[in-house]
Amino acid sequence: LHVERSLARDVLSEGFGLFLHSINLIGILSFPVGVVLTVSSIT
């Protein structure tokens, strides 16, 4: 949401905004994998 708000106000360039979105989306898929594989109490 805050990346989109910054892009709407032209605080960020489209290229840098896309880079931040890509990092965020990769984190959405990779972060839970790391938690599931390392936390033994999760079923």
Full PDB file with SEQRES, HELIX, SHEET, SSBOND, CRYST1, ORIGX, SCALE, CONECT and MASTER records, all heavy atoms in Angstrom:
SEQRES   1 A   43  LEU HIS VAL GLU ARG SER LEU ALA ARG ASP VAL LEU SER          
SEQRES   2 A   43  GLU GLY PHE GLY LEU PHE LEU HIS SER ILE ASN LEU ILE          
SEQRES   3 A   43  GLY ILE LEU SER PHE PRO VAL GLY VAL VAL LEU THR VAL          
SEQRES   4 A   43  SER SER ILE THR                                              
HELIX    1 AA1 HIS A    2  ALA A    8  1                                   7    
HELIX    2 AA2 GLU A   14  THR A   38  1                                  25    
CRYST1    1.000    1.000    1.000  90.00  90.00  90.00 P 1           1          
ORIGX1      1.000000  0.000000  0.000000        0.00000                         
ORIGX2      0.000000  1.000000  0.000000        0.00000                         
ORIGX3      0.000000  0.000000  1.000000        0.00000                         
SCALE1      1.000000  0.000000  0.000000        0.00000                         
SCALE2      0.000000  1.000000  0.000000        0.00000                         
SCALE3      0.000000  0.000000  1.000000        0.00000                         
ATOM      1  N   LEU A   1       0.825  -1.212   0.000  1.00  0.00           N  
ATOM      2  CA  LEU A   1       0.000   0.000   0.000  1.00  0.00           C  
ATOM      3  C   LEU A   1       0.859   1.261   0.000  1.00  0.00           C  
ATOM      4  O   LEU A   1       0.598   2.212  -0.753  1.00  0.00           O  
ATOM      5  CB  LEU A   1      -0.937  -0.016   1.208  1.00  0.00           C  
ATOM      6  CG  LEU A   1      -1.879   1.186   1.349  1.00  0.00           C  
ATOM      7  CD1 LEU A   1      -2.776   1.316   0.128  1.00  0.00           C  
ATOM      8  CD2 LEU A   1      -2.718   1.063   2.621  1.00  0.00           C  
ATOM      9  N   HIS A   2       1.926   1.270   0.814  1.00  0.00           N  
ATOM     10  CA  HIS A   2       2.756   2.471   0.902  1.00  0.00           C  
ATOM     11  C   HIS A   2       3.616   2.662  -0.341  1.00  0.00           C  
ATOM     12  O   HIS A   2       3.888   3.809  -0.736  1.00  0.00           O  
ATOM     13  CB  HIS A   2       3.620   2.416   2.169  1.00  0.00           C  
ATOM     14  CG  HIS A   2       2.854   2.771   3.406  1.00  0.00           C  
ATOM     15  ND1 HIS A   2       2.668   4.068   3.819  1.00  0.00           N  
ATOM     16  CD2 HIS A   2       2.199   1.990   4.308  1.00  0.00           C  
ATOM     17  CE1 HIS A   2       1.946   4.084   4.926  1.00  0.00           C  
ATOM     18  NE2 HIS A   2       1.650   2.831   5.243  1.00  0.00           N  
ATOM     19  N   VAL A   3       4.015   1.581  -0.985  1.00  0.00           N  
ATOM     20  CA  VAL A   3       4.730   1.713  -2.260  1.00  0.00           C  
ATOM     21  C   VAL A   3       3.804   2.324  -3.307  1.00  0.00           C  
ATOM     22  O   VAL A   3       4.203   3.218  -4.071  1.00  0.00           O  
ATOM     23  CB  VAL A   3       5.273   0.344  -2.724  1.00  0.00           C  
ATOM     24  CG1 VAL A   3       5.780   0.433  -4.165  1.00  0.00           C  
ATOM     25  CG2 VAL A   3       6.407  -0.125  -1.814  1.00  0.00           C  
ATOM     26  N   GLU A   4       2.552   1.876  -3.344  1.00  0.00           N  
ATOM     27  CA  GLU A   4       1.596   2.425  -4.306  1.00  0.00           C  
ATOM     28  C   GLU A   4       1.309   3.897  -4.021  1.00  0.00           C  
ATOM     29  O   GLU A   4       1.163   4.705  -4.946  1.00  0.00           O  
ATOM     30  CB  GLU A   4       0.296   1.607  -4.285  1.00  0.00           C  
ATOM     31  CG  GLU A   4       0.375   0.294  -5.015  1.00  0.00           C  
ATOM     32  CD  GLU A   4       0.710   0.461  -6.476  1.00  0.00           C  
ATOM     33  OE1 GLU A   4       0.274   1.458  -7.091  1.00  0.00           O  
ATOM     34  OE2 GLU A   4       1.429  -0.395  -7.025  1.00  0.00           O  
ATOM     35  N   ARG A   5       1.195   4.267  -2.762  1.00  0.00           N  
ATOM     36  CA  ARG A   5       0.975   5.675  -2.421  1.00  0.00           C  
ATOM     37  C   ARG A   5       2.161   6.534  -2.863  1.00  0.00           C  
ATOM     38  O   ARG A   5       1.975   7.653  -3.376  1.00  0.00           O  
ATOM     39  CB  ARG A   5       0.757   5.822  -0.912  1.00  0.00           C  
ATOM     40  CG  ARG A   5      -0.626   5.370  -0.437  1.00  0.00           C  
ATOM     41  CD  ARG A   5      -0.748   5.535   1.066  1.00  0.00           C  
ATOM     42  NE  ARG A   5      -2.118   5.296   1.522  1.00  0.00           N  
ATOM     43  CZ  ARG A   5      -2.489   5.364   2.790  1.00  0.00           C  
ATOM     44  NH1 ARG A   5      -1.607   5.672   3.737  1.00  0.00           N  
ATOM     45  NH2 ARG A   5      -3.753   5.141   3.133  1.00  0.00           N  
ATOM     46  N   SER A   6       3.368   6.004  -2.682  1.00  0.00           N  
ATOM     47  CA  SER A   6       4.561   6.753  -3.106  1.00  0.00           C  
ATOM     48  C   SER A   6       4.611   6.891  -4.616  1.00  0.00           C  
ATOM     49  O   SER A   6       5.001   7.937  -5.153  1.00  0.00           O  
ATOM     50  CB  SER A   6       5.828   6.052  -2.593  1.00  0.00           C  
ATOM     51  OG  SER A   6       5.828   5.989  -1.179  1.00  0.00           O  
ATOM     52  N   LEU A   7       4.209   5.846  -5.338  1.00  0.00           N  
ATOM     53  CA  LEU A   7       4.176   5.917  -6.803  1.00  0.00           C  
ATOM     54  C   LEU A   7       3.118   6.907  -7.281  1.00  0.00           C  
ATOM     55  O   LEU A   7       3.324   7.618  -8.269  1.00  0.00           O  
ATOM     56  CB  LEU A   7       3.889   4.516  -7.375  1.00  0.00           C  
ATOM     57  CG  LEU A   7       5.043   3.506  -7.303  1.00  0.00           C  
ATOM     58  CD1 LEU A   7       4.534   2.104  -7.633  1.00  0.00           C  
ATOM     59  CD2 LEU A   7       6.166   3.889  -8.245  1.00  0.00           C  
ATOM     60  N   ALA A   8       1.985   6.975  -6.578  1.00  0.00           N  
ATOM     61  CA  ALA A   8       0.926   7.907  -6.968  1.00  0.00           C  
ATOM     62  C   ALA A   8       1.361   9.357  -6.789  1.00  0.00           C  
ATOM     63  O   ALA A   8       0.943  10.240  -7.549  1.00  0.00           O  
ATOM     64  CB  ALA A   8      -0.338   7.628  -6.163  1.00  0.00           C  
ATOM     65  N   ARG A   9       2.224   9.620  -5.784  1.00  0.00           N  
ATOM     66  CA  ARG A   9       2.704  10.987  -5.529  1.00  0.00           C  
ATOM     67  C   ARG A   9       3.988  11.299  -6.301  1.00  0.00           C  
ATOM     68  O   ARG A   9       4.586  12.354  -6.094  1.00  0.00           O  
ATOM     69  CB  ARG A   9       2.952  11.173  -4.028  1.00  0.00           C  
ATOM     70  CG  ARG A   9       1.700  11.056  -3.168  1.00  0.00           C  
ATOM     71  CD  ARG A   9       1.950  11.594  -1.764  1.00  0.00           C  
ATOM     72  NE  ARG A   9       3.091  10.950  -1.127  1.00  0.00           N  
ATOM     73  CZ  ARG A   9       3.009   9.894  -0.326  1.00  0.00           C  
ATOM     74  NH1 ARG A   9       1.813   9.353  -0.080  1.00  0.00           N  
ATOM     75  NH2 ARG A   9       4.082   9.376   0.213  1.00  0.00           N  
ATOM     76  N   ASP A  10       4.432  10.344  -7.132  1.00  0.00           N  
ATOM     77  CA  ASP A  10       5.672  10.499  -7.904  1.00  0.00           C  
ATOM     78  C   ASP A  10       6.902  10.608  -7.015  1.00  0.00           C  
ATOM     79  O   ASP A  10       7.927  11.171  -7.426  1.00  0.00           O  
ATOM     80  CB  ASP A  10       5.598  11.719  -8.823  1.00  0.00           C  
ATOM     81  CG  ASP A  10       4.659  11.495  -9.994  1.00  0.00           C  
ATOM     82  OD1 ASP A  10       4.528  10.328 -10.412  1.00  0.00           O  
ATOM     83  OD2 ASP A  10       4.052  12.468 -10.464  1.00  0.00           O  
ATOM     84  N   VAL A  11       6.824  10.078  -5.800  1.00  0.00           N  
ATOM     85  CA  VAL A  11       7.996  10.035  -4.925  1.00  0.00           C  
ATOM     86  C   VAL A  11       8.971   8.961  -5.410  1.00  0.00           C  
ATOM     87  O   VAL A  11      10.198   9.115  -5.294  1.00  0.00           O  
ATOM     88  CB  VAL A  11       7.562   9.757  -3.469  1.00  0.00           C  
ATOM     89  CG1 VAL A  11       8.775   9.588  -2.559  1.00  0.00           C  
ATOM     90  CG2 VAL A  11       6.656  10.871  -2.967  1.00  0.00           C  
ATOM     91  N   LEU A  12       8.429   7.870  -5.954  1.00  0.00           N  
ATOM     92  CA  LEU A  12       9.244   6.783  -6.495  1.00  0.00           C  
ATOM     93  C   LEU A  12       9.060   6.723  -8.003  1.00  0.00           C  
ATOM     94  O   LEU A  12       7.977   7.029  -8.524  1.00  0.00           O  
ATOM     95  CB  LEU A  12       8.840   5.438  -5.878  1.00  0.00           C  
ATOM     96  CG  LEU A  12       8.989   5.278  -4.358  1.00  0.00           C  
ATOM     97  CD1 LEU A  12       8.446   3.919  -3.935  1.00  0.00           C  
ATOM     98  CD2 LEU A  12      10.439   5.411  -3.936  1.00  0.00           C  
ATOM     99  N   SER A  13      10.108   6.300  -8.693  1.00  0.00           N  
ATOM    100  CA  SER A  13       9.990   6.060 -10.129  1.00  0.00           C  
ATOM    101  C   SER A  13       9.307   4.718 -10.365  1.00  0.00           C  
ATOM    102  O   SER A  13       9.267   3.857  -9.475  1.00  0.00           O  
ATOM    103  CB  SER A  13      11.375   6.058 -10.776  1.00  0.00           C  
ATOM    104  OG  SER A  13      12.142   4.961 -10.314  1.00  0.00           O  
ATOM    105  N   GLU A  14       8.757   4.521 -11.566  1.00  0.00           N  
ATOM    106  CA  GLU A  14       8.073   3.268 -11.886  1.00  0.00           C  
ATOM    107  C   GLU A  14       9.027   2.073 -11.788  1.00  0.00           C  
ATOM    108  O   GLU A  14       8.661   1.007 -11.312  1.00  0.00           O  
ATOM    109  CB  GLU A  14       7.476   3.341 -13.296  1.00  0.00           C  
ATOM    110  CG  GLU A  14       6.245   4.211 -13.409  1.00  0.00           C  
ATOM    111  CD  GLU A  14       5.048   3.644 -12.670  1.00  0.00           C  
ATOM    112  OE1 GLU A  14       4.982   2.409 -12.478  1.00  0.00           O  
ATOM    113  OE2 GLU A  14       4.170   4.433 -12.286  1.00  0.00           O  
ATOM    114  N   GLY A  15      10.273   2.269 -12.243  1.00  0.00           N  
ATOM    115  CA  GLY A  15      11.241   1.175 -12.195  1.00  0.00           C  
ATOM    116  C   GLY A  15      11.570   0.754 -10.780  1.00  0.00           C  
ATOM    117  O   GLY A  15      11.602  -0.439 -10.464  1.00  0.00           O  
ATOM    118  N   PHE A  16      11.819   1.758  -9.898  1.00  0.00           N  
ATOM    119  CA  PHE A  16      12.152   1.428  -8.504  1.00  0.00           C  
ATOM    120  C   PHE A  16      10.930   0.867  -7.777  1.00  0.00           C  
ATOM    121  O   PHE A  16      11.059  -0.024  -6.929  1.00  0.00           O  
ATOM    122  CB  PHE A  16      12.678   2.665  -7.786  1.00  0.00           C  
ATOM    123  CG  PHE A  16      13.276   2.368  -6.441  1.00  0.00           C  
ATOM    124  CD1 PHE A  16      14.389   1.564  -6.319  1.00  0.00           C  
ATOM    125  CD2 PHE A  16      12.688   2.884  -5.285  1.00  0.00           C  
ATOM    126  CE1 PHE A  16      14.937   1.268  -5.083  1.00  0.00           C  
ATOM    127  CE2 PHE A  16      13.235   2.602  -4.037  1.00  0.00           C  
ATOM    128  CZ  PHE A  16      14.360   1.795  -3.934  1.00  0.00           C  
ATOM    129  N   GLY A  17       9.740   1.384  -8.116  1.00  0.00           N  
ATOM    130  CA  GLY A  17       8.521   0.838  -7.514  1.00  0.00           C  
ATOM    131  C   GLY A  17       8.315  -0.611  -7.892  1.00  0.00           C  
ATOM    132  O   GLY A  17       7.929  -1.435  -7.053  1.00  0.00           O  
ATOM    133  N   LEU A  18       8.576  -0.946  -9.161  1.00  0.00           N  
ATOM    134  CA  LEU A  18       8.470  -2.332  -9.607  1.00  0.00           C  
ATOM    135  C   LEU A  18       9.476  -3.215  -8.888  1.00  0.00           C  
ATOM    136  O   LEU A  18       9.173  -4.363  -8.518  1.00  0.00           O  
ATOM    137  CB  LEU A  18       8.675  -2.404 -11.118  1.00  0.00           C  
ATOM    138  CG  LEU A  18       8.627  -3.794 -11.755  1.00  0.00           C  
ATOM    139  CD1 LEU A  18       7.271  -4.450 -11.521  1.00  0.00           C  
ATOM    140  CD2 LEU A  18       8.942  -3.721 -13.246  1.00  0.00           C  
ATOM    141  N   PHE A  19      10.686  -2.687  -8.655  1.00  0.00           N  
ATOM    142  CA  PHE A  19      11.707  -3.441  -7.926  1.00  0.00           C  
ATOM    143  C   PHE A  19      11.240  -3.745  -6.495  1.00  0.00           C  
ATOM    144  O   PHE A  19      11.368  -4.884  -6.019  1.00  0.00           O  
ATOM    145  CB  PHE A  19      13.016  -2.650  -7.899  1.00  0.00           C  
ATOM    146  CG  PHE A  19      14.072  -3.235  -7.023  1.00  0.00           C  
ATOM    147  CD1 PHE A  19      14.780  -4.364  -7.421  1.00  0.00           C  
ATOM    148  CD2 PHE A  19      14.365  -2.676  -5.781  1.00  0.00           C  
ATOM    149  CE1 PHE A  19      15.762  -4.922  -6.599  1.00  0.00           C  
ATOM    150  CE2 PHE A  19      15.332  -3.226  -4.958  1.00  0.00           C  
ATOM    151  CZ  PHE A  19      16.036  -4.345  -5.366  1.00  0.00           C  
ATOM    152  N   LEU A  20      10.674  -2.737  -5.816  1.00  0.00           N  
ATOM    153  CA  LEU A  20      10.187  -2.943  -4.441  1.00  0.00           C  
ATOM    154  C   LEU A  20       9.030  -3.938  -4.413  1.00  0.00           C  
ATOM    155  O   LEU A  20       8.959  -4.798  -3.518  1.00  0.00           O  
ATOM    156  CB  LEU A  20       9.758  -1.609  -3.840  1.00  0.00           C  
ATOM    157  CG  LEU A  20      10.869  -0.588  -3.567  1.00  0.00           C  
ATOM    158  CD1 LEU A  20      10.268   0.705  -3.023  1.00  0.00           C  
ATOM    159  CD2 LEU A  20      11.899  -1.146  -2.590  1.00  0.00           C  
ATOM    160  N   HIS A  21       8.128  -3.833  -5.386  1.00  0.00           N  
ATOM    161  CA  HIS A  21       7.018  -4.787  -5.454  1.00  0.00           C  
ATOM    162  C   HIS A  21       7.540  -6.206  -5.681  1.00  0.00           C  
ATOM    163  O   HIS A  21       7.028  -7.175  -5.085  1.00  0.00           O  
ATOM    164  CB  HIS A  21       6.064  -4.405  -6.583  1.00  0.00           C  
ATOM    165  CG  HIS A  21       5.049  -3.368  -6.202  1.00  0.00           C  
ATOM    166  ND1 HIS A  21       4.280  -3.449  -5.062  1.00  0.00           N  
ATOM    167  CD2 HIS A  21       4.659  -2.215  -6.827  1.00  0.00           C  
ATOM    168  CE1 HIS A  21       3.463  -2.410  -4.986  1.00  0.00           C  
ATOM    169  NE2 HIS A  21       3.682  -1.640  -6.040  1.00  0.00           N  
ATOM    170  N   SER A  22       8.533  -6.353  -6.527  1.00  0.00           N  
ATOM    171  CA  SER A  22       9.085  -7.684  -6.818  1.00  0.00           C  
ATOM    172  C   SER A  22       9.710  -8.298  -5.577  1.00  0.00           C  
ATOM    173  O   SER A  22       9.491  -9.486  -5.278  1.00  0.00           O  
ATOM    174  CB  SER A  22      10.116  -7.586  -7.943  1.00  0.00           C  
ATOM    175  OG  SER A  22       9.543  -7.063  -9.118  1.00  0.00           O  
ATOM    176  N   ILE A  23      10.484  -7.492  -4.824  1.00  0.00           N  
ATOM    177  CA  ILE A  23      11.091  -7.984  -3.583  1.00  0.00           C  
ATOM    178  C   ILE A  23      10.011  -8.386  -2.590  1.00  0.00           C  
ATOM    179  O   ILE A  23      10.091  -9.439  -1.922  1.00  0.00           O  
ATOM    180  CB  ILE A  23      12.011  -6.910  -2.960  1.00  0.00           C  
ATOM    181  CG1 ILE A  23      13.189  -6.603  -3.896  1.00  0.00           C  
ATOM    182  CG2 ILE A  23      12.511  -7.347  -1.589  1.00  0.00           C  
ATOM    183  CD1 ILE A  23      14.105  -7.776  -4.150  1.00  0.00           C  
ATOM    184  N   ASN A  24       8.962  -7.572  -2.512  1.00  0.00           N  
ATOM    185  CA  ASN A  24       7.869  -7.855  -1.583  1.00  0.00           C  
ATOM    186  C   ASN A  24       7.134  -9.146  -1.966  1.00  0.00           C  
ATOM    187  O   ASN A  24       6.819  -9.981  -1.103  1.00  0.00           O  
ATOM    188  CB  ASN A  24       6.894  -6.675  -1.577  1.00  0.00           C  
ATOM    189  CG  ASN A  24       5.895  -6.737  -0.434  1.00  0.00           C  
ATOM    190  OD1 ASN A  24       6.267  -6.962   0.713  1.00  0.00           O  
ATOM    191  ND2 ASN A  24       4.628  -6.543  -0.748  1.00  0.00           N  
ATOM    192  N   LEU A  25       6.868  -9.332  -3.260  1.00  0.00           N  
ATOM    193  CA  LEU A  25       6.161 -10.526  -3.714  1.00  0.00           C  
ATOM    194  C   LEU A  25       7.008 -11.783  -3.532  1.00  0.00           C  
ATOM    195  O   LEU A  25       6.492 -12.849  -3.165  1.00  0.00           O  
ATOM    196  CB  LEU A  25       5.760 -10.362  -5.183  1.00  0.00           C  
ATOM    197  CG  LEU A  25       4.664  -9.322  -5.452  1.00  0.00           C  
ATOM    198  CD1 LEU A  25       4.504  -9.096  -6.952  1.00  0.00           C  
ATOM    199  CD2 LEU A  25       3.343  -9.759  -4.847  1.00  0.00           C  
ATOM    200  N   ILE A  26       8.313 -11.670  -3.782  1.00  0.00           N  
ATOM    201  CA  ILE A  26       9.204 -12.817  -3.543  1.00  0.00           C  
ATOM    202  C   ILE A  26       9.224 -13.163  -2.055  1.00  0.00           C  
ATOM    203  O   ILE A  26       9.225 -14.337  -1.665  1.00  0.00           O  
ATOM    204  CB  ILE A  26      10.618 -12.504  -4.058  1.00  0.00           C  
ATOM    205  CG1 ILE A  26      10.611 -12.407  -5.586  1.00  0.00           C  
ATOM    206  CG2 ILE A  26      11.617 -13.576  -3.606  1.00  0.00           C  
ATOM    207  CD1 ILE A  26      11.916 -11.910  -6.180  1.00  0.00           C  
ATOM    208  N   GLY A  27       9.220 -12.124  -1.215  1.00  0.00           N  
ATOM    209  CA  GLY A  27       9.176 -12.351   0.231  1.00  0.00           C  
ATOM    210  C   GLY A  27       7.909 -13.050   0.671  1.00  0.00           C  
ATOM    211  O   GLY A  27       7.930 -13.888   1.592  1.00  0.00           O  
ATOM    212  N   ILE A  28       6.777 -12.745   0.023  1.00  0.00           N  
ATOM    213  CA  ILE A  28       5.512 -13.393   0.381  1.00  0.00           C  
ATOM    214  C   ILE A  28       5.588 -14.894   0.165  1.00  0.00           C  
ATOM    215  O   ILE A  28       5.043 -15.679   0.953  1.00  0.00           O  
ATOM    216  CB  ILE A  28       4.356 -12.778  -0.444  1.00  0.00           C  
ATOM    217  CG1 ILE A  28       4.098 -11.338  -0.001  1.00  0.00           C  
ATOM    218  CG2 ILE A  28       3.081 -13.595  -0.291  1.00  0.00           C  
ATOM    219  CD1 ILE A  28       3.087 -10.616  -0.869  1.00  0.00           C  
ATOM    220  N   LEU A  29       6.264 -15.333  -0.888  1.00  0.00           N  
ATOM    221  CA  LEU A  29       6.364 -16.764  -1.168  1.00  0.00           C  
ATOM    222  C   LEU A  29       7.484 -17.449  -0.401  1.00  0.00           C  
ATOM    223  O   LEU A  29       7.354 -18.629  -0.026  1.00  0.00           O  
ATOM    224  CB  LEU A  29       6.560 -16.985  -2.674  1.00  0.00           C  
ATOM    225  CG  LEU A  29       5.388 -16.606  -3.591  1.00  0.00           C  
ATOM    226  CD1 LEU A  29       5.735 -16.910  -5.036  1.00  0.00           C  
ATOM    227  CD2 LEU A  29       4.111 -17.331  -3.191  1.00  0.00           C  
ATOM    228  N   SER A  30       8.593 -16.736  -0.150  1.00  0.00           N  
ATOM    229  CA  SER A  30       9.753 -17.379   0.478  1.00  0.00           C  
ATOM    230  C   SER A  30       9.719 -17.337   1.999  1.00  0.00           C  
ATOM    231  O   SER A  30      10.182 -18.280   2.662  1.00  0.00           O  
ATOM    232  CB  SER A  30      11.043 -16.724  -0.031  1.00  0.00           C  
ATOM    233  OG  SER A  30      11.033 -15.339   0.242  1.00  0.00           O  
ATOM    234  N   PHE A  31       9.177 -16.273   2.590  1.00  0.00           N  
ATOM    235  CA  PHE A  31       9.175 -16.149   4.052  1.00  0.00           C  
ATOM    236  C   PHE A  31       8.432 -17.302   4.740  1.00  0.00           C  
ATOM    237  O   PHE A  31       8.978 -17.926   5.661  1.00  0.00           O  
ATOM    238  CB  PHE A  31       8.569 -14.807   4.458  1.00  0.00           C  
ATOM    239  CG  PHE A  31       8.383 -14.650   5.944  1.00  0.00           C  
ATOM    240  CD1 PHE A  31       9.476 -14.503   6.789  1.00  0.00           C  
ATOM    241  CD2 PHE A  31       7.112 -14.661   6.508  1.00  0.00           C  
ATOM    242  CE1 PHE A  31       9.306 -14.380   8.162  1.00  0.00           C  
ATOM    243  CE2 PHE A  31       6.929 -14.536   7.872  1.00  0.00           C  
ATOM    244  CZ  PHE A  31       8.030 -14.387   8.704  1.00  0.00           C  
ATOM    245  N   PRO A  32       7.200 -17.658   4.329  1.00  0.00           N  
ATOM    246  CA  PRO A  32       6.531 -18.784   5.002  1.00  0.00           C  
ATOM    247  C   PRO A  32       7.240 -20.112   4.805  1.00  0.00           C  
ATOM    248  O   PRO A  32       7.175 -20.989   5.666  1.00  0.00           O  
ATOM    249  CB  PRO A  32       5.136 -18.797   4.372  1.00  0.00           C  
ATOM    250  CG  PRO A  32       5.277 -18.077   3.093  1.00  0.00           C  
ATOM    251  CD  PRO A  32       6.339 -17.049   3.298  1.00  0.00           C  
ATOM    252  N   VAL A  33       7.939 -20.265   3.671  1.00  0.00           N  
ATOM    253  CA  VAL A  33       8.690 -21.510   3.449  1.00  0.00           C  
ATOM    254  C   VAL A  33       9.785 -21.648   4.505  1.00  0.00           C  
ATOM    255  O   VAL A  33       9.972 -22.722   5.099  1.00  0.00           O  
ATOM    256  CB  VAL A  33       9.292 -21.532   2.032  1.00  0.00           C  
ATOM    257  CG1 VAL A  33      10.196 -22.743   1.859  1.00  0.00           C  
ATOM    258  CG2 VAL A  33       8.186 -21.533   0.988  1.00  0.00           C  
ATOM    259  N   GLY A  34      10.518 -20.547   4.742  1.00  0.00           N  
ATOM    260  CA  GLY A  34      11.567 -20.579   5.756  1.00  0.00           C  
ATOM    261  C   GLY A  34      11.019 -20.895   7.137  1.00  0.00           C  
ATOM    262  O   GLY A  34      11.627 -21.661   7.907  1.00  0.00           O  
ATOM    263  N   VAL A  35       9.855 -20.321   7.466  1.00  0.00           N  
ATOM    264  CA  VAL A  35       9.259 -20.566   8.782  1.00  0.00           C  
ATOM    265  C   VAL A  35       8.820 -22.016   8.907  1.00  0.00           C  
ATOM    266  O   VAL A  35       9.091 -22.684   9.919  1.00  0.00           O  
ATOM    267  CB  VAL A  35       8.069 -19.622   9.009  1.00  0.00           C  
ATOM    268  CG1 VAL A  35       7.334 -19.978  10.308  1.00  0.00           C  
ATOM    269  CG2 VAL A  35       8.539 -18.166   9.059  1.00  0.00           C  
ATOM    270  N   VAL A  36       8.143 -22.535   7.900  1.00  0.00           N  
ATOM    271  CA  VAL A  36       7.630 -23.910   7.956  1.00  0.00           C  
ATOM    272  C   VAL A  36       8.772 -24.920   8.057  1.00  0.00           C  
ATOM    273  O   VAL A  36       8.689 -25.904   8.812  1.00  0.00           O  
ATOM    274  CB  VAL A  36       6.755 -24.203   6.713  1.00  0.00           C  
ATOM    275  CG1 VAL A  36       6.428 -25.696   6.619  1.00  0.00           C  
ATOM    276  CG2 VAL A  36       5.473 -23.386   6.766  1.00  0.00           C  
ATOM    277  N   LEU A  37       9.862 -24.689   7.331  1.00  0.00           N  
ATOM    278  CA  LEU A  37      10.969 -25.647   7.318  1.00  0.00           C  
ATOM    279  C   LEU A  37      11.842 -25.571   8.567  1.00  0.00           C  
ATOM    280  O   LEU A  37      12.593 -26.511   8.854  1.00  0.00           O  
ATOM    281  CB  LEU A  37      11.831 -25.433   6.073  1.00  0.00           C  
ATOM    282  CG  LEU A  37      11.150 -25.699   4.725  1.00  0.00           C  
ATOM    283  CD1 LEU A  37      12.111 -25.449   3.575  1.00  0.00           C  
ATOM    284  CD2 LEU A  37      10.589 -27.113   4.654  1.00  0.00           C  
ATOM    285  N   THR A  38      11.770 -24.467   9.309  1.00  0.00           N  
ATOM    286  CA  THR A  38      12.629 -24.310  10.494  1.00  0.00           C  
ATOM    287  C   THR A  38      11.879 -24.464  11.816  1.00  0.00           C  
ATOM    288  O   THR A  38      12.479 -24.879  12.808  1.00  0.00           O  
ATOM    289  CB  THR A  38      13.319 -22.942  10.476  1.00  0.00           C  
ATOM    290  OG1 THR A  38      12.338 -21.900  10.368  1.00  0.00           O  
ATOM    291  CG2 THR A  38      14.276 -22.846   9.297  1.00  0.00           C  
ATOM    292  N   VAL A  39      10.595 -24.142  11.842  1.00  0.00           N  
ATOM    293  CA  VAL A  39       9.814 -24.237  13.087  1.00  0.00           C  
ATOM    294  C   VAL A  39       9.220 -25.635  13.185  1.00  0.00           C  
ATOM    295  O   VAL A  39       8.367 -26.017  12.387  1.00  0.00           O  
ATOM    296  CB  VAL A  39       8.705 -23.168  13.133  1.00  0.00           C  
ATOM    297  CG1 VAL A  39       7.858 -23.327  14.390  1.00  0.00           C  
ATOM    298  CG2 VAL A  39       9.318 -21.773  13.082  1.00  0.00           C  
ATOM    299  N   SER A  40       9.650 -26.403  14.162  1.00  0.00           N  
ATOM    300  CA  SER A  40       9.223 -27.800  14.273  1.00  0.00           C  
ATOM    301  C   SER A  40       7.819 -27.939  14.840  1.00  0.00           C  
ATOM    302  O   SER A  40       7.161 -28.970  14.651  1.00  0.00           O  
ATOM    303  CB  SER A  40      10.201 -28.576  15.163  1.00  0.00           C  
ATOM    304  OG  SER A  40      10.255 -27.987  16.460  1.00  0.00           O  
ATOM    305  N   SER A  41       7.331 -26.918  15.531  1.00  0.00           N  
ATOM    306  CA  SER A  41       6.019 -27.033  16.178  1.00  0.00           C  
ATOM    307  C   SER A  41       4.854 -26.829  15.212  1.00  0.00           C  
ATOM    308  O   SER A  41       3.703 -27.067  15.579  1.00  0.00           O  
ATOM    309  CB  SER A  41       5.899 -26.011  17.315  1.00  0.00           C  
ATOM    310  OG  SER A  41       6.046 -24.690  16.829  1.00  0.00           O  
ATOM    311  N   ILE A  42       5.130 -26.391  14.002  1.00  0.00           N  
ATOM    312  CA  ILE A  42       4.045 -26.187  13.045  1.00  0.00           C  
ATOM    313  C   ILE A  42       3.681 -27.515  12.391  1.00  0.00           C  
ATOM    314  O   ILE A  42       4.552 -28.281  11.981  1.00  0.00           O  
ATOM    315  CB  ILE A  42       4.438 -25.133  11.983  1.00  0.00           C  
ATOM    316  CG1 ILE A  42       3.224 -24.716  11.156  1.00  0.00           C  
ATOM    317  CG2 ILE A  42       5.553 -25.634  11.077  1.00  0.00           C  
ATOM    318  CD1 ILE A  42       3.464 -23.485  10.304  1.00  0.00           C  
ATOM    319  N   THR A  43       2.397 -27.828  12.344  1.00  0.00           N  
ATOM    320  CA  THR A  43       1.930 -29.098  11.787  1.00  0.00           C  
ATOM    321  C   THR A  43       1.733 -28.981  10.276  1.00  0.00           C  
ATOM    322  O   THR A  43       1.593 -27.864   9.744  1.00  0.00           O  
ATOM    323  CB  THR A  43       0.593 -29.503  12.432  1.00  0.00           C  
ATOM    324  OG1 THR A  43      -0.397 -28.528  12.100  1.00  0.00           O  
ATOM    325  CG2 THR A  43       0.733 -29.587  13.948  1.00  0.00           C  
TER     326      THR A  43                                                      
MASTER        0    0    0    2    0    0    0    6  325    1    0    4          
END                                                                             
